[in-house]
């Protein structure tokens, strides 16, 4: 309880590297709650969904990220 919380994006990226896509998705959802739906969070959510084979969900999230930050 007295420890410092680790950013959900960092945890999610580490889980993605480990092949734990469901857990990464949960971590990215927690990151969305704290950071908001920024382009970075949307890309992370889209990548996790893509790794889970959820193509339609992934495409929607990635397109939304591009709309927020075209560059």
PDB file of N, CA and C in Angstrom:
ATOM      1  N   UNK A   1       0.806  -1.207   0.000  1.00  0.00           N
ATOM      2  CA  UNK A   1       0.000   0.000   0.000  1.00  0.00           C
ATOM      3  C   UNK A   1       0.846   1.266   0.000  1.00  0.00           C
ATOM      4  N   UNK A   2       2.018   1.211   0.610  1.00  0.00           N
ATOM      5  CA  UNK A   2       2.863   2.399   0.657  1.00  0.00           C
ATOM      6  C   UNK A   2       3.778   2.507  -0.554  1.00  0.00           C
ATOM      7  N   UNK A   3       3.773   1.479  -1.408  1.00  0.00           N
ATOM      8  CA  UNK A   3       4.651   1.472  -2.570  1.00  0.00           C
ATOM      9  C   UNK A   3       4.164   2.413  -3.651  1.00  0.00           C
ATOM     10  N   UNK A   4       5.033   2.635  -4.582  1.00  0.00           N
ATOM     11  CA  UNK A   4       4.720   3.517  -5.698  1.00  0.00           C
ATOM     12  C   UNK A   4       4.150   2.691  -6.852  1.00  0.00           C
ATOM     13  N   UNK A   5       3.071   3.146  -7.452  1.00  0.00           N
ATOM     14  CA  UNK A   5       2.444   2.432  -8.559  1.00  0.00           C
ATOM     15  C   UNK A   5       3.274   2.590  -9.828  1.00  0.00           C
ATOM     16  N   UNK A   6       3.349   1.529 -10.586  1.00  0.00           N
ATOM     17  CA  UNK A   6       4.068   1.556 -11.856  1.00  0.00           C
ATOM     18  C   UNK A   6       3.067   1.900 -12.953  1.00  0.00           C
ATOM     19  N   UNK A   7       3.489   2.706 -13.895  1.00  0.00           N
ATOM     20  CA  UNK A   7       2.638   3.130 -15.002  1.00  0.00           C
ATOM     21  C   UNK A   7       2.100   1.916 -15.766  1.00  0.00           C
ATOM     22  N   UNK A   8       0.794   1.913 -16.011  1.00  0.00           N
ATOM     23  CA  UNK A   8       0.152   0.819 -16.721  1.00  0.00           C
ATOM     24  C   UNK A   8       0.680   0.609 -18.125  1.00  0.00           C
ATOM     25  N   UNK A   9       1.128   1.676 -18.776  1.00  0.00           N
ATOM     26  CA  UNK A   9       1.696   1.533 -20.114  1.00  0.00           C
ATOM     27  C   UNK A   9       3.003   0.747 -20.070  1.00  0.00           C
ATOM     28  N   UNK A  10       3.831   1.037 -19.097  1.00  0.00           N
ATOM     29  CA  UNK A  10       5.108   0.338 -18.974  1.00  0.00           C
ATOM     30  C   UNK A  10       4.866  -1.145 -18.686  1.00  0.00           C
ATOM     31  N   UNK A  11       3.979  -1.407 -17.748  1.00  0.00           N
ATOM     32  CA  UNK A  11       3.654  -2.797 -17.409  1.00  0.00           C
ATOM     33  C   UNK A  11       3.073  -3.513 -18.631  1.00  0.00           C
ATOM     34  N   UNK A  12       2.173  -2.848 -19.329  1.00  0.00           N
ATOM     35  CA  UNK A  12       1.556  -3.443 -20.512  1.00  0.00           C
ATOM     36  C   UNK A  12       2.563  -3.775 -21.595  1.00  0.00           C
ATOM     37  N   UNK A  13       3.508  -2.882 -21.829  1.00  0.00           N
ATOM     38  CA  UNK A  13       4.533  -3.138 -22.852  1.00  0.00           C
ATOM     39  C   UNK A  13       5.414  -4.316 -22.453  1.00  0.00           C
ATOM     40  N   UNK A  14       5.734  -4.422 -21.189  1.00  0.00           N
ATOM     41  CA  UNK A  14       6.531  -5.565 -20.719  1.00  0.00           C
ATOM     42  C   UNK A  14       5.753  -6.870 -20.887  1.00  0.00           C
ATOM     43  N   UNK A  15       4.465  -6.831 -20.597  1.00  0.00           N
ATOM     44  CA  UNK A  15       3.640  -8.019 -20.774  1.00  0.00           C
ATOM     45  C   UNK A  15       3.510  -8.398 -22.245  1.00  0.00           C
ATOM     46  N   UNK A  16       3.431  -7.417 -23.124  1.00  0.00           N
ATOM     47  CA  UNK A  16       3.389  -7.693 -24.557  1.00  0.00           C
ATOM     48  C   UNK A  16       4.663  -8.409 -24.989  1.00  0.00           C
ATOM     49  N   UNK A  17       5.807  -7.933 -24.515  1.00  0.00           N
ATOM     50  CA  UNK A  17       7.077  -8.572 -24.849  1.00  0.00           C
ATOM     51  C   UNK A  17       7.120 -10.011 -24.361  1.00  0.00           C
ATOM     52  N   UNK A  18       6.461 -10.279 -23.248  1.00  0.00           N
ATOM     53  CA  UNK A  18       6.441 -11.621 -22.675  1.00  0.00           C
ATOM     54  C   UNK A  18       5.368 -12.508 -23.314  1.00  0.00           C
ATOM     55  N   UNK A  19       4.591 -11.951 -24.229  1.00  0.00           N
ATOM     56  CA  UNK A  19       3.546 -12.725 -24.890  1.00  0.00           C
ATOM     57  C   UNK A  19       2.275 -12.878 -24.070  1.00  0.00           C
ATOM     58  N   UNK A  20       2.133 -12.085 -23.033  1.00  0.00           N
ATOM     59  CA  UNK A  20       0.944 -12.122 -22.169  1.00  0.00           C
ATOM     60  C   UNK A  20      -0.038 -11.038 -22.622  1.00  0.00           C
ATOM     61  N   UNK A  21      -0.700 -11.289 -23.753  1.00  0.00           N
ATOM     62  CA  UNK A  21      -1.500 -10.258 -24.393  1.00  0.00           C
ATOM     63  C   UNK A  21      -2.769  -9.903 -23.623  1.00  0.00           C
ATOM     64  N   UNK A  22      -3.437 -10.876 -23.029  1.00  0.00           N
ATOM     65  CA  UNK A  22      -4.638 -10.573 -22.241  1.00  0.00           C
ATOM     66  C   UNK A  22      -4.298  -9.705 -21.037  1.00  0.00           C
ATOM     67  N   UNK A  23      -3.230 -10.050 -20.352  1.00  0.00           N
ATOM     68  CA  UNK A  23      -2.821  -9.257 -19.194  1.00  0.00           C
ATOM     69  C   UNK A  23      -2.358  -7.868 -19.633  1.00  0.00           C
ATOM     70  N   UNK A  24      -1.695  -7.790 -20.781  1.00  0.00           N
ATOM     71  CA  UNK A  24      -1.269  -6.498 -21.301  1.00  0.00           C
ATOM     72  C   UNK A  24      -2.474  -5.624 -21.608  1.00  0.00           C
ATOM     73  N   UNK A  25      -3.492  -6.221 -22.205  1.00  0.00           N
ATOM     74  CA  UNK A  25      -4.710  -5.471 -22.523  1.00  0.00           C
ATOM     75  C   UNK A  25      -5.331  -4.901 -21.257  1.00  0.00           C
ATOM     76  N   UNK A  26      -5.401  -5.696 -20.207  1.00  0.00           N
ATOM     77  CA  UNK A  26      -5.939  -5.217 -18.933  1.00  0.00           C
ATOM     78  C   UNK A  26      -5.105  -4.059 -18.386  1.00  0.00           C
ATOM     79  N   UNK A  27      -3.806  -4.161 -18.520  1.00  0.00           N
ATOM     80  CA  UNK A  27      -2.927  -3.101 -18.038  1.00  0.00           C
ATOM     81  C   UNK A  27      -3.116  -1.820 -18.850  1.00  0.00           C
ATOM     82  N   UNK A  28      -3.282  -1.971 -20.157  1.00  0.00           N
ATOM     83  CA  UNK A  28      -3.506  -0.797 -21.009  1.00  0.00           C
ATOM     84  C   UNK A  28      -4.859  -0.155 -20.698  1.00  0.00           C
ATOM     85  N   UNK A  29      -5.845  -0.954 -20.335  1.00  0.00           N
ATOM     86  CA  UNK A  29      -7.142  -0.401 -19.951  1.00  0.00           C
ATOM     87  C   UNK A  29      -7.000   0.422 -18.675  1.00  0.00           C
ATOM     88  N   UNK A  30      -6.209  -0.086 -17.722  1.00  0.00           N
ATOM     89  CA  UNK A  30      -5.946   0.692 -16.498  1.00  0.00           C
ATOM     90  C   UNK A  30      -5.192   1.979 -16.834  1.00  0.00           C
ATOM     91  N   UNK A  31      -4.281   1.908 -17.790  1.00  0.00           N
ATOM     92  CA  UNK A  31      -3.550   3.107 -18.202  1.00  0.00           C
ATOM     93  C   UNK A  31      -4.504   4.124 -18.822  1.00  0.00           C
ATOM     94  N   UNK A  32      -5.492   3.645 -19.560  1.00  0.00           N
ATOM     95  CA  UNK A  32      -6.479   4.553 -20.156  1.00  0.00           C
ATOM     96  C   UNK A  32      -7.263   5.279 -19.078  1.00  0.00           C
ATOM     97  N   UNK A  33      -7.518   4.592 -17.975  1.00  0.00           N
ATOM     98  CA  UNK A  33      -8.252   5.217 -16.874  1.00  0.00           C
ATOM     99  C   UNK A  33      -7.440   6.332 -16.229  1.00  0.00           C
ATOM    100  N   UNK A  34      -6.126   6.174 -16.186  1.00  0.00           N
ATOM    101  CA  UNK A  34      -5.301   7.197 -15.541  1.00  0.00           C
ATOM    102  C   UNK A  34      -4.780   8.255 -16.514  1.00  0.00           C
ATOM    103  N   UNK A  35      -4.514   7.875 -17.768  1.00  0.00           N
ATOM    104  CA  UNK A  35      -3.956   8.812 -18.753  1.00  0.00           C
ATOM    105  C   UNK A  35      -5.016   9.421 -19.660  1.00  0.00           C
ATOM    106  N   UNK A  36      -6.141   8.736 -19.778  1.00  0.00           N
ATOM    107  CA  UNK A  36      -7.132   9.116 -20.770  1.00  0.00           C
ATOM    108  C   UNK A  36      -6.847   8.370 -22.065  1.00  0.00           C
ATOM    109  N   UNK A  37      -7.711   8.535 -23.044  1.00  0.00           N
ATOM    110  CA  UNK A  37      -7.525   7.840 -24.318  1.00  0.00           C
ATOM    111  C   UNK A  37      -6.643   8.667 -25.246  1.00  0.00           C
ATOM    112  N   UNK A  38      -5.380   8.735 -24.896  1.00  0.00           N
ATOM    113  CA  UNK A  38      -4.404   9.419 -25.735  1.00  0.00           C
ATOM    114  C   UNK A  38      -4.050   8.527 -26.919  1.00  0.00           C
ATOM    115  N   UNK A  39      -3.370   9.086 -27.895  1.00  0.00           N
ATOM    116  CA  UNK A  39      -2.957   8.293 -29.051  1.00  0.00           C
ATOM    117  C   UNK A  39      -2.047   7.144 -28.621  1.00  0.00           C
ATOM    118  N   UNK A  40      -1.173   7.389 -27.665  1.00  0.00           N
ATOM    119  CA  UNK A  40      -0.266   6.343 -27.190  1.00  0.00           C
ATOM    120  C   UNK A  40      -1.037   5.185 -26.561  1.00  0.00           C
ATOM    121  N   UNK A  41      -2.030   5.500 -25.779  1.00  0.00           N
ATOM    122  CA  UNK A  41      -2.850   4.460 -25.138  1.00  0.00           C
ATOM    123  C   UNK A  41      -3.667   3.720 -26.198  1.00  0.00           C
ATOM    124  N   UNK A  42      -4.215   4.439 -27.157  1.00  0.00           N
ATOM    125  CA  UNK A  42      -4.993   3.800 -28.217  1.00  0.00           C
ATOM    126  C   UNK A  42      -4.145   2.848 -29.045  1.00  0.00           C
ATOM    127  N   UNK A  43      -2.912   3.244 -29.343  1.00  0.00           N
ATOM    128  CA  UNK A  43      -2.009   2.368 -30.089  1.00  0.00           C
ATOM    129  C   UNK A  43      -1.698   1.115 -29.277  1.00  0.00           C
ATOM    130  N   UNK A  44      -1.472   1.288 -27.993  1.00  0.00           N
ATOM    131  CA  UNK A  44      -1.190   0.146 -27.130  1.00  0.00           C
ATOM    132  C   UNK A  44      -2.386  -0.806 -27.089  1.00  0.00           C
ATOM    133  N   UNK A  45      -3.581  -0.263 -26.919  1.00  0.00           N
ATOM    134  CA  UNK A  45      -4.790  -1.084 -26.916  1.00  0.00           C
ATOM    135  C   UNK A  45      -4.981  -1.781 -28.258  1.00  0.00           C
ATOM    136  N   UNK A  46      -4.736  -1.058 -29.330  1.00  0.00           N
ATOM    137  CA  UNK A  46      -4.862  -1.644 -30.668  1.00  0.00           C
ATOM    138  C   UNK A  46      -3.862  -2.763 -30.893  1.00  0.00           C
ATOM    139  N   UNK A  47      -2.647  -2.577 -30.437  1.00  0.00           N
ATOM    140  CA  UNK A  47      -1.614  -3.606 -30.599  1.00  0.00           C
ATOM    141  C   UNK A  47      -1.952  -4.869 -29.816  1.00  0.00           C
ATOM    142  N   UNK A  48      -2.442  -4.697 -28.601  1.00  0.00           N
ATOM    143  CA  UNK A  48      -2.816  -5.854 -27.786  1.00  0.00           C
ATOM    144  C   UNK A  48      -3.971  -6.608 -28.442  1.00  0.00           C
ATOM    145  N   UNK A  49      -4.951  -5.874 -28.925  1.00  0.00           N
ATOM    146  CA  UNK A  49      -6.079  -6.521 -29.602  1.00  0.00           C
ATOM    147  C   UNK A  49      -5.636  -7.223 -30.872  1.00  0.00           C
ATOM    148  N   UNK A  50      -4.712  -6.635 -31.597  1.00  0.00           N
ATOM    149  CA  UNK A  50      -4.189  -7.262 -32.805  1.00  0.00           C
ATOM    150  C   UNK A  50      -3.475  -8.571 -32.463  1.00  0.00           C
ATOM    151  N   UNK A  51      -2.706  -8.560 -31.406  1.00  0.00           N
ATOM    152  CA  UNK A  51      -2.002  -9.765 -30.975  1.00  0.00           C
ATOM    153  C   UNK A  51      -2.960 -10.861 -30.536  1.00  0.00           C
ATOM    154  N   UNK A  52      -4.144 -10.473 -30.081  1.00  0.00           N
ATOM    155  CA  UNK A  52      -5.163 -11.433 -29.674  1.00  0.00           C
ATOM    156  C   UNK A  52      -6.051 -11.867 -30.845  1.00  0.00           C
ATOM    157  N   UNK A  53      -5.763 -11.345 -32.040  1.00  0.00           N
ATOM    158  CA  UNK A  53      -6.527 -11.712 -33.224  1.00  0.00           C
ATOM    159  C   UNK A  53      -7.839 -10.975 -33.377  1.00  0.00           C
ATOM    160  N   UNK A  54      -8.006  -9.910 -32.637  1.00  0.00           N
ATOM    161  CA  UNK A  54      -9.242  -9.114 -32.698  1.00  0.00           C
ATOM    162  C   UNK A  54      -9.048  -7.977 -33.702  1.00  0.00           C
ATOM    163  N   UNK A  55      -9.123  -8.320 -34.968  1.00  0.00           N
ATOM    164  CA  UNK A  55      -8.761  -7.389 -36.032  1.00  0.00           C
ATOM    165  C   UNK A  55      -9.674  -6.168 -36.107  1.00  0.00           C
ATOM    166  N   UNK A  56     -10.978  -6.363 -35.991  1.00  0.00           N
ATOM    167  CA  UNK A  56     -11.909  -5.235 -36.096  1.00  0.00           C
ATOM    168  C   UNK A  56     -11.694  -4.235 -34.964  1.00  0.00           C
ATOM    169  N   UNK A  57     -11.572  -4.740 -33.739  1.00  0.00           N
ATOM    170  CA  UNK A  57     -11.347  -3.854 -32.598  1.00  0.00           C
ATOM    171  C   UNK A  57     -10.017  -3.126 -32.745  1.00  0.00           C
ATOM    172  N   UNK A  58      -9.014  -3.864 -33.174  1.00  0.00           N
ATOM    173  CA  UNK A  58      -7.685  -3.279 -33.333  1.00  0.00           C
ATOM    174  C   UNK A  58      -7.708  -2.157 -34.369  1.00  0.00           C
ATOM    175  N   UNK A  59      -8.334  -2.422 -35.493  1.00  0.00           N
ATOM    176  CA  UNK A  59      -8.375  -1.417 -36.556  1.00  0.00           C
ATOM    177  C   UNK A  59      -9.048  -0.132 -36.084  1.00  0.00           C
ATOM    178  N   UNK A  60     -10.158  -0.256 -35.386  1.00  0.00           N
ATOM    179  CA  UNK A  60     -10.872   0.929 -34.898  1.00  0.00           C
ATOM    180  C   UNK A  60     -10.001   1.749 -33.955  1.00  0.00           C
ATOM    181  N   UNK A  61      -9.300   1.068 -33.049  1.00  0.00           N
ATOM    182  CA  UNK A  61      -8.448   1.779 -32.095  1.00  0.00           C
ATOM    183  C   UNK A  61      -7.276   2.454 -32.787  1.00  0.00           C
ATOM    184  N   UNK A  62      -6.650   1.749 -33.721  1.00  0.00           N
ATOM    185  CA  UNK A  62      -5.494   2.326 -34.412  1.00  0.00           C
ATOM    186  C   UNK A  62      -5.894   3.498 -35.308  1.00  0.00           C
ATOM    187  N   UNK A  63      -7.039   3.390 -35.955  1.00  0.00           N
ATOM    188  CA  UNK A  63      -7.515   4.515 -36.776  1.00  0.00           C
ATOM    189  C   UNK A  63      -7.822   5.735 -35.905  1.00  0.00           C
ATOM    190  N   UNK A  64      -8.389   5.477 -34.735  1.00  0.00           N
ATOM    191  CA  UNK A  64      -8.685   6.576 -33.810  1.00  0.00           C
ATOM    192  C   UNK A  64      -7.404   7.253 -33.335  1.00  0.00           C
ATOM    193  N   UNK A  65      -6.362   6.465 -33.104  1.00  0.00           N
ATOM    194  CA  UNK A  65      -5.068   7.024 -32.698  1.00  0.00           C
ATOM    195  C   UNK A  65      -4.502   7.910 -33.798  1.00  0.00           C
ATOM    196  N   UNK A  66      -4.646   7.486 -35.036  1.00  0.00           N
ATOM    197  CA  UNK A  66      -4.146   8.272 -36.174  1.00  0.00           C
ATOM    198  C   UNK A  66      -4.918   9.583 -36.294  1.00  0.00           C
ATOM    199  N   UNK A  67      -6.209   9.545 -36.024  1.00  0.00           N
ATOM    200  CA  UNK A  67      -7.009  10.768 -36.074  1.00  0.00           C
ATOM    201  C   UNK A  67      -6.526  11.779 -35.017  1.00  0.00           C
ATOM    202  N   UNK A  68      -6.153  11.262 -33.847  1.00  0.00           N
ATOM    203  CA  UNK A  68      -5.672  12.154 -32.780  1.00  0.00           C
ATOM    204  C   UNK A  68      -4.304  12.728 -33.081  1.00  0.00           C
ATOM    205  N   UNK A  69      -3.421  11.872 -33.606  1.00  0.00           N
ATOM    206  CA  UNK A  69      -2.048  12.304 -33.910  1.00  0.00           C
ATOM    207  C   UNK A  69      -1.635  11.766 -35.277  1.00  0.00           C
ATOM    208  N   UNK A  70      -1.963  12.489 -36.331  1.00  0.00           N
ATOM    209  CA  UNK A  70      -1.661  12.019 -37.688  1.00  0.00           C
ATOM    210  C   UNK A  70      -0.174  11.801 -37.968  1.00  0.00           C
ATOM    211  N   UNK A  71       0.672  12.513 -37.226  1.00  0.00           N
ATOM    212  CA  UNK A  71       2.118  12.374 -37.471  1.00  0.00           C
ATOM    213  C   UNK A  71       2.654  11.157 -36.794  1.00  0.00           C
TER     214      UNK A  71
END
